[in-house]
Amino acid sequence: MQNLNSFRKSLQFTLQWEGGYVVDESDPGGETKWGISKRAYPSLDIKNLTPAQAADIYARDYWDKVGGDQIPFPMCTAVFDSAVNNGVSRAVSWMKQASTPKAFLDLRRSFYYQVVKNNPQESKFLKGWLNRLNDLVKFVDLNTTPIGEDLPDMNKNPVPFAKQVGYQ
């Protein structure tokens, strides 16, 4: 991992939304701690998962898989959090489709509404998903480097964001 500071900031954002140890029968992930689920990691002792173990999992299975080190901050946080909340392949797909950070986050918003449309029982989660997404939008806006400093103007580039940062 080359960009440890961006990973730490991104992980901090995500963990504030993932919470501690939870067993929710209506959650398809089942037993979870800091967003790490028994369903995804069946051999892991979720209840006794340490913060260091969780960080290692997030680095290996989410950050590295979306190419977090190659994505400028704060967009790397948006992509990483989307991978955690919506899956790595979906986050990568959105990154390939979107030409701006706003377009990327709009794809995530549309996904939540589609989930509820396809399965109305999921509507009980919609408010929380949207609160998290709205917080992420604010985070990206507050941490975006002003135009002319360090980064190209990603909001005006018509090239998909993944290509802008060299993601294949």
C-alpha atoms as a PDB file:
ATOM      1  CA  MET A   1       0.000   0.000   0.000  1.00  0.00           C
ATOM      2  CA  GLN A   2       1.554   3.218  -1.185  1.00  0.00           C
ATOM      3  CA  ASN A   3      -0.955   5.748   0.064  1.00  0.00           C
ATOM      4  CA  LEU A   4      -1.496   4.823   3.696  1.00  0.00           C
ATOM      5  CA  ASN A   5      -2.809   8.257   4.677  1.00  0.00           C
ATOM      6  CA  SER A   6      -5.630   8.146   2.091  1.00  0.00           C
ATOM      7  CA  PHE A   7      -6.492   4.602   3.146  1.00  0.00           C
ATOM      8  CA  ARG A   8      -6.685   5.618   6.808  1.00  0.00           C
ATOM      9  CA  LYS A   9      -8.934   8.600   6.060  1.00  0.00           C
ATOM     10  CA  SER A  10     -11.144   6.435   3.856  1.00  0.00           C
ATOM     11  CA  LEU A  11     -11.326   3.659   6.441  1.00  0.00           C
ATOM     12  CA  GLN A  12     -12.182   6.177   9.152  1.00  0.00           C
ATOM     13  CA  PHE A  13     -15.075   7.486   7.051  1.00  0.00           C
ATOM     14  CA  THR A  14     -16.384   3.994   6.314  1.00  0.00           C
ATOM     15  CA  LEU A  15     -16.089   2.675   9.858  1.00  0.00           C
ATOM     16  CA  GLN A  16     -18.199   5.501  11.256  1.00  0.00           C
ATOM     17  CA  TRP A  17     -21.056   4.011   9.217  1.00  0.00           C
ATOM     18  CA  GLU A  18     -20.346   0.331   9.763  1.00  0.00           C
ATOM     19  CA  GLY A  19     -20.682   0.242  13.539  1.00  0.00           C
ATOM     20  CA  GLY A  20     -19.689  -2.436  16.021  1.00  0.00           C
ATOM     21  CA  TYR A  21     -20.849  -5.977  16.638  1.00  0.00           C
ATOM     22  CA  VAL A  22     -24.365  -6.647  15.335  1.00  0.00           C
ATOM     23  CA  VAL A  23     -26.535  -9.692  14.729  1.00  0.00           C
ATOM     24  CA  ASP A  24     -29.549  -8.596  12.672  1.00  0.00           C
ATOM     25  CA  GLU A  25     -31.723 -11.430  11.380  1.00  0.00           C
ATOM     26  CA  SER A  26     -32.947  -9.237   8.509  1.00  0.00           C
ATOM     27  CA  ASP A  27     -29.401  -8.417   7.370  1.00  0.00           C
ATOM     28  CA  PRO A  28     -28.322 -10.855   4.644  1.00  0.00           C
ATOM     29  CA  GLY A  29     -24.731 -10.603   5.917  1.00  0.00           C
ATOM     30  CA  GLY A  30     -25.805 -12.019   9.269  1.00  0.00           C
ATOM     31  CA  GLU A  31     -23.385 -11.500  12.136  1.00  0.00           C
ATOM     32  CA  THR A  32     -21.187  -8.447  11.474  1.00  0.00           C
ATOM     33  CA  LYS A  33     -18.566  -6.336  13.197  1.00  0.00           C
ATOM     34  CA  TRP A  34     -17.261  -3.096  11.649  1.00  0.00           C
ATOM     35  CA  GLY A  35     -18.968  -4.149   8.438  1.00  0.00           C
ATOM     36  CA  ILE A  36     -17.140  -7.472   8.182  1.00  0.00           C
ATOM     37  CA  SER A  37     -19.809 -10.140   7.829  1.00  0.00           C
ATOM     38  CA  LYS A  38     -19.948 -13.831   8.692  1.00  0.00           C
ATOM     39  CA  ARG A  39     -21.485 -14.450   5.279  1.00  0.00           C
ATOM     40  CA  ALA A  40     -18.436 -13.003   3.515  1.00  0.00           C
ATOM     41  CA  TYR A  41     -15.927 -14.495   5.972  1.00  0.00           C
ATOM     42  CA  PRO A  42     -17.506 -17.724   7.293  1.00  0.00           C
ATOM     43  CA  SER A  43     -14.336 -19.006   8.986  1.00  0.00           C
ATOM     44  CA  LEU A  44     -13.655 -15.733  10.833  1.00  0.00           C
ATOM     45  CA  ASP A  45     -14.537 -15.249  14.510  1.00  0.00           C
ATOM     46  CA  ILE A  46     -16.594 -12.112  13.904  1.00  0.00           C
ATOM     47  CA  LYS A  47     -17.424 -11.424  17.543  1.00  0.00           C
ATOM     48  CA  ASN A  48     -13.717 -11.294  18.491  1.00  0.00           C
ATOM     49  CA  LEU A  49     -12.510  -9.502  15.362  1.00  0.00           C
ATOM     50  CA  THR A  50      -9.875  -6.912  16.270  1.00  0.00           C
ATOM     51  CA  PRO A  51      -9.579  -3.454  14.688  1.00  0.00           C
ATOM     52  CA  ALA A  52      -6.243  -4.469  13.144  1.00  0.00           C
ATOM     53  CA  GLN A  53      -7.784  -7.591  11.566  1.00  0.00           C
ATOM     54  CA  ALA A  54     -10.663  -5.534  10.176  1.00  0.00           C
ATOM     55  CA  ALA A  55      -8.239  -2.958   8.727  1.00  0.00           C
ATOM     56  CA  ASP A  56      -6.215  -5.733   7.085  1.00  0.00           C
ATOM     57  CA  ILE A  57      -9.361  -7.170   5.499  1.00  0.00           C
ATOM     58  CA  TYR A  58     -10.467  -3.762   4.254  1.00  0.00           C
ATOM     59  CA  ALA A  59      -7.019  -3.040   2.808  1.00  0.00           C
ATOM     60  CA  ARG A  60      -6.622  -6.411   1.074  1.00  0.00           C
ATOM     61  CA  ASP A  61     -10.168  -7.132  -0.070  1.00  0.00           C
ATOM     62  CA  TYR A  62     -11.516  -3.654  -0.830  1.00  0.00           C
ATOM     63  CA  TRP A  63      -8.877  -0.905  -1.074  1.00  0.00           C
ATOM     64  CA  ASP A  64      -6.391  -2.911  -3.113  1.00  0.00           C
ATOM     65  CA  LYS A  65      -9.077  -4.459  -5.319  1.00  0.00           C
ATOM     66  CA  VAL A  66     -10.461  -1.065  -6.397  1.00  0.00           C
ATOM     67  CA  GLY A  67      -6.968   0.361  -6.909  1.00  0.00           C
ATOM     68  CA  GLY A  68      -7.337   2.836  -4.055  1.00  0.00           C
ATOM     69  CA  ASP A  69      -3.700   3.927  -4.241  1.00  0.00           C
ATOM     70  CA  GLN A  70      -4.185   5.119  -7.839  1.00  0.00           C
ATOM     71  CA  ILE A  71      -7.337   7.138  -7.148  1.00  0.00           C
ATOM     72  CA  PRO A  72      -6.897  10.739  -5.968  1.00  0.00           C
ATOM     73  CA  PHE A  73      -8.188  11.688  -2.538  1.00  0.00           C
ATOM     74  CA  PRO A  74     -11.094  12.138  -1.742  1.00  0.00           C
ATOM     75  CA  MET A  75     -12.501  10.164  -4.671  1.00  0.00           C
ATOM     76  CA  CYS A  76     -10.683   7.090  -3.372  1.00  0.00           C
ATOM     77  CA  THR A  77     -12.890   7.339  -0.270  1.00  0.00           C
ATOM     78  CA  ALA A  78     -16.047   7.351  -2.403  1.00  0.00           C
ATOM     79  CA  VAL A  79     -14.892   4.323  -4.395  1.00  0.00           C
ATOM     80  CA  PHE A  80     -13.660   2.437  -1.311  1.00  0.00           C
ATOM     81  CA  ASP A  81     -16.837   3.099   0.686  1.00  0.00           C
ATOM     82  CA  SER A  82     -18.934   2.040  -2.293  1.00  0.00           C
ATOM     83  CA  ALA A  83     -16.938  -1.181  -2.576  1.00  0.00           C
ATOM     84  CA  VAL A  84     -17.546  -1.910   1.099  1.00  0.00           C
ATOM     85  CA  ASN A  85     -21.241  -1.051   1.010  1.00  0.00           C
ATOM     86  CA  ASN A  86     -22.161  -2.217  -2.485  1.00  0.00           C
ATOM     87  CA  GLY A  87     -19.434  -4.637  -3.593  1.00  0.00           C
ATOM     88  CA  VAL A  88     -16.066  -4.293  -5.279  1.00  0.00           C
ATOM     89  CA  SER A  89     -17.261  -5.196  -8.778  1.00  0.00           C
ATOM     90  CA  ARG A  90     -20.127  -2.706  -8.611  1.00  0.00           C
ATOM     91  CA  ALA A  91     -17.828   0.101  -7.400  1.00  0.00           C
ATOM     92  CA  VAL A  92     -15.360  -0.639 -10.202  1.00  0.00           C
ATOM     93  CA  SER A  93     -18.190  -0.702 -12.749  1.00  0.00           C
ATOM     94  CA  TRP A  94     -19.470   2.681 -11.560  1.00  0.00           C
ATOM     95  CA  MET A  95     -15.942   4.074 -11.740  1.00  0.00           C
ATOM     96  CA  LYS A  96     -15.706   2.920 -15.365  1.00  0.00           C
ATOM     97  CA  GLN A  97     -19.080   4.483 -16.235  1.00  0.00           C
ATOM     98  CA  ALA A  98     -18.790   7.814 -14.433  1.00  0.00           C
ATOM     99  CA  SER A  99     -16.848  10.769 -15.806  1.00  0.00           C
ATOM    100  CA  THR A 100     -17.110  12.840 -12.609  1.00  0.00           C
ATOM    101  CA  PRO A 101     -17.257  12.188  -8.872  1.00  0.00           C
ATOM    102  CA  LYS A 102     -20.858  13.453  -8.871  1.00  0.00           C
ATOM    103  CA  ALA A 103     -21.816  10.994 -11.615  1.00  0.00           C
ATOM    104  CA  PHE A 104     -20.199   8.172  -9.635  1.00  0.00           C
ATOM    105  CA  LEU A 105     -22.187   9.037  -6.510  1.00  0.00           C
ATOM    106  CA  ASP A 106     -25.374   9.431  -8.553  1.00  0.00           C
ATOM    107  CA  LEU A 107     -24.938   5.855  -9.814  1.00  0.00           C
ATOM    108  CA  ARG A 108     -24.767   4.702  -6.200  1.00  0.00           C
ATOM    109  CA  ARG A 109     -27.922   6.658  -5.334  1.00  0.00           C
ATOM    110  CA  SER A 110     -29.781   5.141  -8.296  1.00  0.00           C
ATOM    111  CA  PHE A 111     -28.656   1.685  -7.210  1.00  0.00           C
ATOM    112  CA  TYR A 112     -30.258   2.095  -3.773  1.00  0.00           C
ATOM    113  CA  TYR A 113     -33.586   3.096  -5.304  1.00  0.00           C
ATOM    114  CA  GLN A 114     -33.416   0.140  -7.684  1.00  0.00           C
ATOM    115  CA  VAL A 115     -32.755  -2.242  -4.782  1.00  0.00           C
ATOM    116  CA  VAL A 116     -35.898  -0.993  -3.025  1.00  0.00           C
ATOM    117  CA  LYS A 117     -37.919  -1.118  -6.248  1.00  0.00           C
ATOM    118  CA  ASN A 118     -36.867  -4.739  -6.778  1.00  0.00           C
ATOM    119  CA  ASN A 119     -37.404  -5.722  -3.145  1.00  0.00           C
ATOM    120  CA  PRO A 120     -39.694  -3.386  -1.159  1.00  0.00           C
ATOM    121  CA  GLN A 121     -38.712  -5.134   2.099  1.00  0.00           C
ATOM    122  CA  GLU A 122     -35.315  -3.434   1.732  1.00  0.00           C
ATOM    123  CA  SER A 123     -36.984  -0.017   2.096  1.00  0.00           C
ATOM    124  CA  LYS A 124     -36.304  -0.085   5.837  1.00  0.00           C
ATOM    125  CA  PHE A 125     -32.599   0.352   5.001  1.00  0.00           C
ATOM    126  CA  LEU A 126     -33.061   3.164   2.454  1.00  0.00           C
ATOM    127  CA  LYS A 127     -32.917   6.082   4.895  1.00  0.00           C
ATOM    128  CA  GLY A 128     -29.642   4.824   6.377  1.00  0.00           C
ATOM    129  CA  TRP A 129     -28.134   4.174   2.944  1.00  0.00           C
ATOM    130  CA  LEU A 130     -29.066   7.668   1.786  1.00  0.00           C
ATOM    131  CA  ASN A 131     -27.779   9.270   4.994  1.00  0.00           C
ATOM    132  CA  ARG A 132     -24.453   7.529   4.460  1.00  0.00           C
ATOM    133  CA  LEU A 133     -24.360   8.570   0.810  1.00  0.00           C
ATOM    134  CA  ASN A 134     -25.241  12.188   1.623  1.00  0.00           C
ATOM    135  CA  ASP A 135     -22.451  12.242   4.204  1.00  0.00           C
ATOM    136  CA  LEU A 136     -20.073  10.868   1.577  1.00  0.00           C
ATOM    137  CA  VAL A 137     -21.118  13.573  -0.902  1.00  0.00           C
ATOM    138  CA  LYS A 138     -20.312  16.218   1.745  1.00  0.00           C
ATOM    139  CA  PHE A 139     -16.996  14.511   2.544  1.00  0.00           C
ATOM    140  CA  VAL A 140     -15.953  14.505  -1.122  1.00  0.00           C
ATOM    141  CA  ASP A 141     -17.036  18.132  -1.589  1.00  0.00           C
ATOM    142  CA  LEU A 142     -15.185  19.326   1.523  1.00  0.00           C
ATOM    143  CA  ASN A 143     -11.997  17.459   0.657  1.00  0.00           C
ATOM    144  CA  THR A 144     -11.775  18.125  -3.068  1.00  0.00           C
ATOM    145  CA  THR A 145      -8.598  19.912  -4.075  1.00  0.00           C
ATOM    146  CA  PRO A 146      -9.388  23.274  -5.701  1.00  0.00           C
ATOM    147  CA  ILE A 147      -8.994  23.396  -9.473  1.00  0.00           C
ATOM    148  CA  GLY A 148      -5.431  24.171 -10.434  1.00  0.00           C
ATOM    149  CA  GLU A 149      -3.871  22.443  -7.445  1.00  0.00           C
ATOM    150  CA  ASP A 150      -2.494  18.888  -7.527  1.00  0.00           C
ATOM    151  CA  LEU A 151      -5.375  17.308  -9.484  1.00  0.00           C
ATOM    152  CA  PRO A 152      -6.947  17.846 -12.886  1.00  0.00           C
ATOM    153  CA  ASP A 153     -10.464  19.232 -12.932  1.00  0.00           C
ATOM    154  CA  MET A 154     -12.255  15.881 -12.713  1.00  0.00           C
ATOM    155  CA  ASN A 155     -15.674  17.534 -12.821  1.00  0.00           C
ATOM    156  CA  LYS A 156     -15.209  18.720 -16.414  1.00  0.00           C
ATOM    157  CA  ASN A 157     -13.405  15.764 -17.939  1.00  0.00           C
ATOM    158  CA  PRO A 158     -15.711  13.691 -20.180  1.00  0.00           C
ATOM    159  CA  VAL A 159     -13.452  10.634 -19.905  1.00  0.00           C
ATOM    160  CA  PRO A 160     -14.700   7.959 -17.458  1.00  0.00           C
ATOM    161  CA  PHE A 161     -13.100   8.442 -14.075  1.00  0.00           C
ATOM    162  CA  ALA A 162     -11.406   5.027 -14.153  1.00  0.00           C
ATOM    163  CA  LYS A 163      -9.499   6.025 -17.296  1.00  0.00           C
ATOM    164  CA  GLN A 164      -8.560   9.408 -15.820  1.00  0.00           C
ATOM    165  CA  VAL A 165      -6.667   7.662 -13.049  1.00  0.00           C
ATOM    166  CA  GLY A 166      -5.278   4.872 -15.226  1.00  0.00           C
ATOM    167  CA  TYR A 167      -7.538   2.091 -13.895  1.00  0.00           C
ATOM    168  CA  GLN A 168      -8.020  -0.697 -16.408  1.00  0.00           C
END
